[in-house]
Amino acid sequence: MTDVHPPKLESFDPAAGVNVDPKGIEREVEEFRTEPFGLYLARPTPGREQFHYLESWLLPGLGLRITDFWFNPGHERDQTFYLDVVRVRREGTRWFSTDLYLDLVLKDKVSVRVIDSDELLAAVSAGLLPQAEGEYALETAYTTVEGLAAHGYDLAAWLSTKDISATWRRHP
């Protein structure tokens, strides 16, 4: 049985240097960078057992949040990047994302898989997410899988076709 929950909301305030996570906890951000194609953030993740740091790009034009989790020893996962299907909006200098349940796990230059379809379907069935948003999430996931597959699952190669140059601290 899938745990049905409302969409997760998150805010990003580069001027204040904070990210408010889906639980409403304000997190200090080490680096924000705004580009024409999106917003980058890098911050520690205190209190997390699985990972100690994360870097993310919010890419409104693609409907994605791409994250590199820096896993702690013993908690490593067989992934390079984690892609959340999201809706992103801006209000002035603040950014907001709504997680649309579907996620993609990317092993860069190897493979991609879509996860959490059950969460998406449960949310739409329960009326927590409008059907149109569910369809958007599916279309975004399909487009992303097709784009990555066409470029050998090479994230940078695919993003470059969209005029996106997402730079990372750990990935050249």
C-alpha atoms as a PDB file:
ATOM      1  CA  MET A   1       0.000   0.000   0.000  1.00  0.00           C
ATOM      2  CA  THR A   2       1.380   3.378  -1.025  1.00  0.00           C
ATOM      3  CA  ASP A   3       1.487   6.148   1.564  1.00  0.00           C
ATOM      4  CA  VAL A   4      -0.718   8.861   0.064  1.00  0.00           C
ATOM      5  CA  HIS A   5       0.486  12.371   0.843  1.00  0.00           C
ATOM      6  CA  PRO A   6      -0.008  15.854  -0.618  1.00  0.00           C
ATOM      7  CA  PRO A   7       2.635  17.147  -3.034  1.00  0.00           C
ATOM      8  CA  LYS A   8       5.821  18.286  -1.314  1.00  0.00           C
ATOM      9  CA  LEU A   9       6.428  22.032  -1.502  1.00  0.00           C
ATOM     10  CA  GLU A  10       9.800  23.697  -1.156  1.00  0.00           C
ATOM     11  CA  SER A  11      11.039  27.284  -1.344  1.00  0.00           C
ATOM     12  CA  PHE A  12      14.402  28.769  -2.256  1.00  0.00           C
ATOM     13  CA  ASP A  13      15.386  32.302  -1.298  1.00  0.00           C
ATOM     14  CA  PRO A  14      18.785  33.276  -2.740  1.00  0.00           C
ATOM     15  CA  ALA A  15      18.651  36.774  -1.216  1.00  0.00           C
ATOM     16  CA  ALA A  16      18.257  35.323   2.298  1.00  0.00           C
ATOM     17  CA  GLY A  17      20.518  32.333   1.581  1.00  0.00           C
ATOM     18  CA  VAL A  18      17.916  29.809   2.710  1.00  0.00           C
ATOM     19  CA  ASN A  19      15.983  26.807   1.455  1.00  0.00           C
ATOM     20  CA  VAL A  20      12.789  25.824   3.271  1.00  0.00           C
ATOM     21  CA  ASP A  21      12.402  22.068   2.883  1.00  0.00           C
ATOM     22  CA  PRO A  22       9.086  20.204   2.520  1.00  0.00           C
ATOM     23  CA  LYS A  23       8.860  19.786   6.319  1.00  0.00           C
ATOM     24  CA  GLY A  24       9.059  23.554   6.767  1.00  0.00           C
ATOM     25  CA  ILE A  25      12.609  23.505   8.112  1.00  0.00           C
ATOM     26  CA  GLU A  26      14.764  26.457   7.078  1.00  0.00           C
ATOM     27  CA  ARG A  27      18.150  25.292   5.771  1.00  0.00           C
ATOM     28  CA  GLU A  28      21.146  27.561   5.247  1.00  0.00           C
ATOM     29  CA  VAL A  29      22.485  27.364   1.686  1.00  0.00           C
ATOM     30  CA  GLU A  30      26.213  27.714   0.981  1.00  0.00           C
ATOM     31  CA  GLU A  31      25.756  28.699  -2.644  1.00  0.00           C
ATOM     32  CA  PHE A  32      22.915  29.856  -4.841  1.00  0.00           C
ATOM     33  CA  ARG A  33      23.498  30.633  -8.503  1.00  0.00           C
ATOM     34  CA  THR A  34      20.837  31.936 -10.859  1.00  0.00           C
ATOM     35  CA  GLU A  35      21.211  31.247 -14.566  1.00  0.00           C
ATOM     36  CA  PRO A  36      18.797  31.987 -17.421  1.00  0.00           C
ATOM     37  CA  PHE A  37      17.840  28.285 -17.448  1.00  0.00           C
ATOM     38  CA  GLY A  38      17.495  27.690 -13.692  1.00  0.00           C
ATOM     39  CA  LEU A  39      18.627  27.928 -10.094  1.00  0.00           C
ATOM     40  CA  TYR A  40      21.575  26.085  -8.531  1.00  0.00           C
ATOM     41  CA  LEU A  41      21.998  25.445  -4.831  1.00  0.00           C
ATOM     42  CA  ALA A  42      24.559  23.636  -2.703  1.00  0.00           C
ATOM     43  CA  ARG A  43      24.108  22.999   0.994  1.00  0.00           C
ATOM     44  CA  PRO A  44      24.949  20.638   3.843  1.00  0.00           C
ATOM     45  CA  THR A  45      22.211  18.297   5.078  1.00  0.00           C
ATOM     46  CA  PRO A  46      22.623  18.199   8.864  1.00  0.00           C
ATOM     47  CA  GLY A  47      20.838  15.388  10.644  1.00  0.00           C
ATOM     48  CA  ARG A  48      20.560  13.154   7.578  1.00  0.00           C
ATOM     49  CA  GLU A  49      21.925   9.664   8.096  1.00  0.00           C
ATOM     50  CA  GLN A  50      22.107   8.742   4.396  1.00  0.00           C
ATOM     51  CA  PHE A  51      23.886  11.806   2.987  1.00  0.00           C
ATOM     52  CA  HIS A  52      25.733  14.882   4.245  1.00  0.00           C
ATOM     53  CA  TYR A  53      25.530  17.316   1.323  1.00  0.00           C
ATOM     54  CA  LEU A  54      23.491  18.006  -1.787  1.00  0.00           C
ATOM     55  CA  GLU A  55      23.705  20.035  -4.959  1.00  0.00           C
ATOM     56  CA  SER A  56      20.595  20.709  -7.029  1.00  0.00           C
ATOM     57  CA  TRP A  57      19.513  22.458 -10.178  1.00  0.00           C
ATOM     58  CA  LEU A  58      15.912  23.628 -10.541  1.00  0.00           C
ATOM     59  CA  LEU A  59      15.185  23.614 -14.263  1.00  0.00           C
ATOM     60  CA  PRO A  60      11.710  25.103 -14.832  1.00  0.00           C
ATOM     61  CA  GLY A  61      11.814  24.686 -18.611  1.00  0.00           C
ATOM     62  CA  LEU A  62      12.330  20.932 -18.237  1.00  0.00           C
ATOM     63  CA  GLY A  63      10.106  20.435 -15.194  1.00  0.00           C
ATOM     64  CA  LEU A  64      13.002  18.904 -13.272  1.00  0.00           C
ATOM     65  CA  ARG A  65      15.031  19.225 -10.120  1.00  0.00           C
ATOM     66  CA  ILE A  66      18.325  17.401 -10.623  1.00  0.00           C
ATOM     67  CA  THR A  67      20.216  16.518  -7.439  1.00  0.00           C
ATOM     68  CA  ASP A  68      23.598  15.058  -6.619  1.00  0.00           C
ATOM     69  CA  PHE A  69      23.453  13.566  -3.118  1.00  0.00           C
ATOM     70  CA  TRP A  70      26.791  13.144  -1.335  1.00  0.00           C
ATOM     71  CA  PHE A  71      26.156   9.845   0.435  1.00  0.00           C
ATOM     72  CA  ASN A  72      27.732   8.855   3.726  1.00  0.00           C
ATOM     73  CA  PRO A  73      29.817   5.667   3.866  1.00  0.00           C
ATOM     74  CA  GLY A  74      27.566   2.633   4.032  1.00  0.00           C
ATOM     75  CA  HIS A  75      24.615   4.495   2.476  1.00  0.00           C
ATOM     76  CA  GLU A  76      25.865   4.808  -1.099  1.00  0.00           C
ATOM     77  CA  ARG A  77      23.333   4.235  -3.864  1.00  0.00           C
ATOM     78  CA  ASP A  78      23.886   3.065  -7.392  1.00  0.00           C
ATOM     79  CA  GLN A  79      23.161   6.454  -8.925  1.00  0.00           C
ATOM     80  CA  THR A  80      24.885   9.583 -10.112  1.00  0.00           C
ATOM     81  CA  PHE A  81      21.918  11.971 -10.136  1.00  0.00           C
ATOM     82  CA  TYR A  82      18.368  11.932  -8.820  1.00  0.00           C
ATOM     83  CA  LEU A  83      15.782  13.747 -10.935  1.00  0.00           C
ATOM     84  CA  ASP A  84      12.498  14.900  -9.400  1.00  0.00           C
ATOM     85  CA  VAL A  85       9.645  15.841 -11.724  1.00  0.00           C
ATOM     86  CA  VAL A  86       8.512  19.245 -10.459  1.00  0.00           C
ATOM     87  CA  ARG A  87       6.631  22.423 -11.209  1.00  0.00           C
ATOM     88  CA  VAL A  88       8.756  25.499 -10.557  1.00  0.00           C
ATOM     89  CA  ARG A  89       7.525  29.066 -10.168  1.00  0.00           C
ATOM     90  CA  ARG A  90       9.188  32.331  -9.262  1.00  0.00           C
ATOM     91  CA  GLU A  91       7.994  35.265  -7.209  1.00  0.00           C
ATOM     92  CA  GLY A  92      10.556  38.023  -7.412  1.00  0.00           C
ATOM     93  CA  THR A  93      13.855  36.521  -6.308  1.00  0.00           C
ATOM     94  CA  ARG A  94      12.230  33.552  -4.542  1.00  0.00           C
ATOM     95  CA  TRP A  95      11.726  30.193  -6.231  1.00  0.00           C
ATOM     96  CA  PHE A  96       9.149  27.541  -5.333  1.00  0.00           C
ATOM     97  CA  SER A  97       8.893  23.912  -6.375  1.00  0.00           C
ATOM     98  CA  THR A  98       6.075  21.414  -6.163  1.00  0.00           C
ATOM     99  CA  ASP A  99       7.221  17.803  -6.319  1.00  0.00           C
ATOM    100  CA  LEU A 100       5.005  15.801  -8.691  1.00  0.00           C
ATOM    101  CA  TYR A 101       5.921  12.414  -7.191  1.00  0.00           C
ATOM    102  CA  LEU A 102       7.713  10.848 -10.187  1.00  0.00           C
ATOM    103  CA  ASP A 103      11.475  10.487  -9.885  1.00  0.00           C
ATOM    104  CA  LEU A 104      14.212   9.269 -12.192  1.00  0.00           C
ATOM    105  CA  VAL A 105      17.382   7.599 -10.976  1.00  0.00           C
ATOM    106  CA  LEU A 106      20.279   8.217 -13.360  1.00  0.00           C
ATOM    107  CA  LYS A 107      23.524   6.302 -13.571  1.00  0.00           C
ATOM    108  CA  ASP A 108      25.301   8.801 -15.805  1.00  0.00           C
ATOM    109  CA  LYS A 109      26.245   7.336 -19.188  1.00  0.00           C
ATOM    110  CA  VAL A 110      24.723   3.950 -18.174  1.00  0.00           C
ATOM    111  CA  SER A 111      20.963   3.951 -17.496  1.00  0.00           C
ATOM    112  CA  VAL A 112      17.904   5.695 -16.128  1.00  0.00           C
ATOM    113  CA  ARG A 113      14.862   4.310 -14.367  1.00  0.00           C
ATOM    114  CA  VAL A 114      11.571   5.893 -13.354  1.00  0.00           C
ATOM    115  CA  ILE A 115      10.363   5.321  -9.808  1.00  0.00           C
ATOM    116  CA  ASP A 116       7.402   6.283  -7.624  1.00  0.00           C
ATOM    117  CA  SER A 117       4.707   5.820 -10.277  1.00  0.00           C
ATOM    118  CA  ASP A 118       2.577   4.308  -7.514  1.00  0.00           C
ATOM    119  CA  GLU A 119       2.797   7.560  -5.517  1.00  0.00           C
ATOM    120  CA  LEU A 120       1.742   9.623  -8.530  1.00  0.00           C
ATOM    121  CA  LEU A 121      -1.240   7.374  -9.285  1.00  0.00           C
ATOM    122  CA  ALA A 122      -2.304   7.296  -5.629  1.00  0.00           C
ATOM    123  CA  ALA A 123      -2.151  11.108  -5.368  1.00  0.00           C
ATOM    124  CA  VAL A 124      -4.215  11.599  -8.535  1.00  0.00           C
ATOM    125  CA  SER A 125      -6.738   8.937  -7.431  1.00  0.00           C
ATOM    126  CA  ALA A 126      -7.058  10.578  -4.000  1.00  0.00           C
ATOM    127  CA  GLY A 127      -7.621  14.017  -5.541  1.00  0.00           C
ATOM    128  CA  LEU A 128      -4.385  15.419  -4.067  1.00  0.00           C
ATOM    129  CA  LEU A 129      -3.047  16.175  -7.536  1.00  0.00           C
ATOM    130  CA  PRO A 130      -5.203  17.256 -10.493  1.00  0.00           C
ATOM    131  CA  GLN A 131      -5.259  14.799 -13.382  1.00  0.00           C
ATOM    132  CA  ALA A 132      -3.711  17.437 -15.670  1.00  0.00           C
ATOM    133  CA  GLU A 133      -0.697  17.681 -13.329  1.00  0.00           C
ATOM    134  CA  GLY A 134      -0.429  13.888 -13.304  1.00  0.00           C
ATOM    135  CA  GLU A 135      -0.386  13.889 -17.096  1.00  0.00           C
ATOM    136  CA  TYR A 136       2.250  16.647 -17.077  1.00  0.00           C
ATOM    137  CA  ALA A 137       4.402  14.553 -14.707  1.00  0.00           C
ATOM    138  CA  LEU A 138       4.160  11.514 -16.979  1.00  0.00           C
ATOM    139  CA  GLU A 139       4.923  13.523 -20.124  1.00  0.00           C
ATOM    140  CA  THR A 140       7.910  15.146 -18.393  1.00  0.00           C
ATOM    141  CA  ALA A 141       9.257  11.762 -17.303  1.00  0.00           C
ATOM    142  CA  TYR A 142       8.807  10.280 -20.797  1.00  0.00           C
ATOM    143  CA  THR A 143      10.489  13.273 -22.453  1.00  0.00           C
ATOM    144  CA  THR A 144      13.386  13.080 -19.999  1.00  0.00           C
ATOM    145  CA  VAL A 145      13.881   9.326 -20.490  1.00  0.00           C
ATOM    146  CA  GLU A 146      13.780   9.732 -24.277  1.00  0.00           C
ATOM    147  CA  GLY A 147      16.242  12.640 -24.199  1.00  0.00           C
ATOM    148  CA  LEU A 148      18.682  10.840 -21.929  1.00  0.00           C
ATOM    149  CA  ALA A 149      18.442   7.599 -23.935  1.00  0.00           C
ATOM    150  CA  ALA A 150      19.091   9.457 -27.198  1.00  0.00           C
ATOM    151  CA  HIS A 151      22.316  10.821 -25.656  1.00  0.00           C
ATOM    152  CA  GLY A 152      23.638   7.597 -24.131  1.00  0.00           C
ATOM    153  CA  TYR A 153      22.269   8.531 -20.686  1.00  0.00           C
ATOM    154  CA  ASP A 154      24.824  11.348 -20.588  1.00  0.00           C
ATOM    155  CA  LEU A 155      23.170  14.114 -18.582  1.00  0.00           C
ATOM    156  CA  ALA A 156      25.523  16.903 -19.697  1.00  0.00           C
ATOM    157  CA  ALA A 157      25.187  15.905 -23.362  1.00  0.00           C
ATOM    158  CA  TRP A 158      21.384  15.940 -23.201  1.00  0.00           C
ATOM    159  CA  LEU A 159      21.230  19.215 -21.267  1.00  0.00           C
ATOM    160  CA  SER A 160      23.585  20.866 -23.752  1.00  0.00           C
ATOM    161  CA  THR A 161      20.970  20.289 -26.483  1.00  0.00           C
ATOM    162  CA  LYS A 162      18.648  22.431 -24.337  1.00  0.00           C
ATOM    163  CA  ASP A 163      21.277  25.190 -23.936  1.00  0.00           C
ATOM    164  CA  ILE A 164      21.752  24.218 -20.298  1.00  0.00           C
ATOM    165  CA  SER A 165      25.224  24.082 -18.811  1.00  0.00           C
ATOM    166  CA  ALA A 166      24.674  22.676 -15.337  1.00  0.00           C
ATOM    167  CA  THR A 167      27.954  22.724 -13.437  1.00  0.00           C
ATOM    168  CA  TRP A 168      28.616  20.663 -10.317  1.00  0.00           C
ATOM    169  CA  ARG A 169      31.178  20.668  -7.547  1.00  0.00           C
ATOM    170  CA  ARG A 170      31.862  16.920  -7.894  1.00  0.00           C
ATOM    171  CA  HIS A 171      31.230  16.299 -11.598  1.00  0.00           C
ATOM    172  CA  PRO A 172      33.336  17.973 -14.286  1.00  0.00           C
END
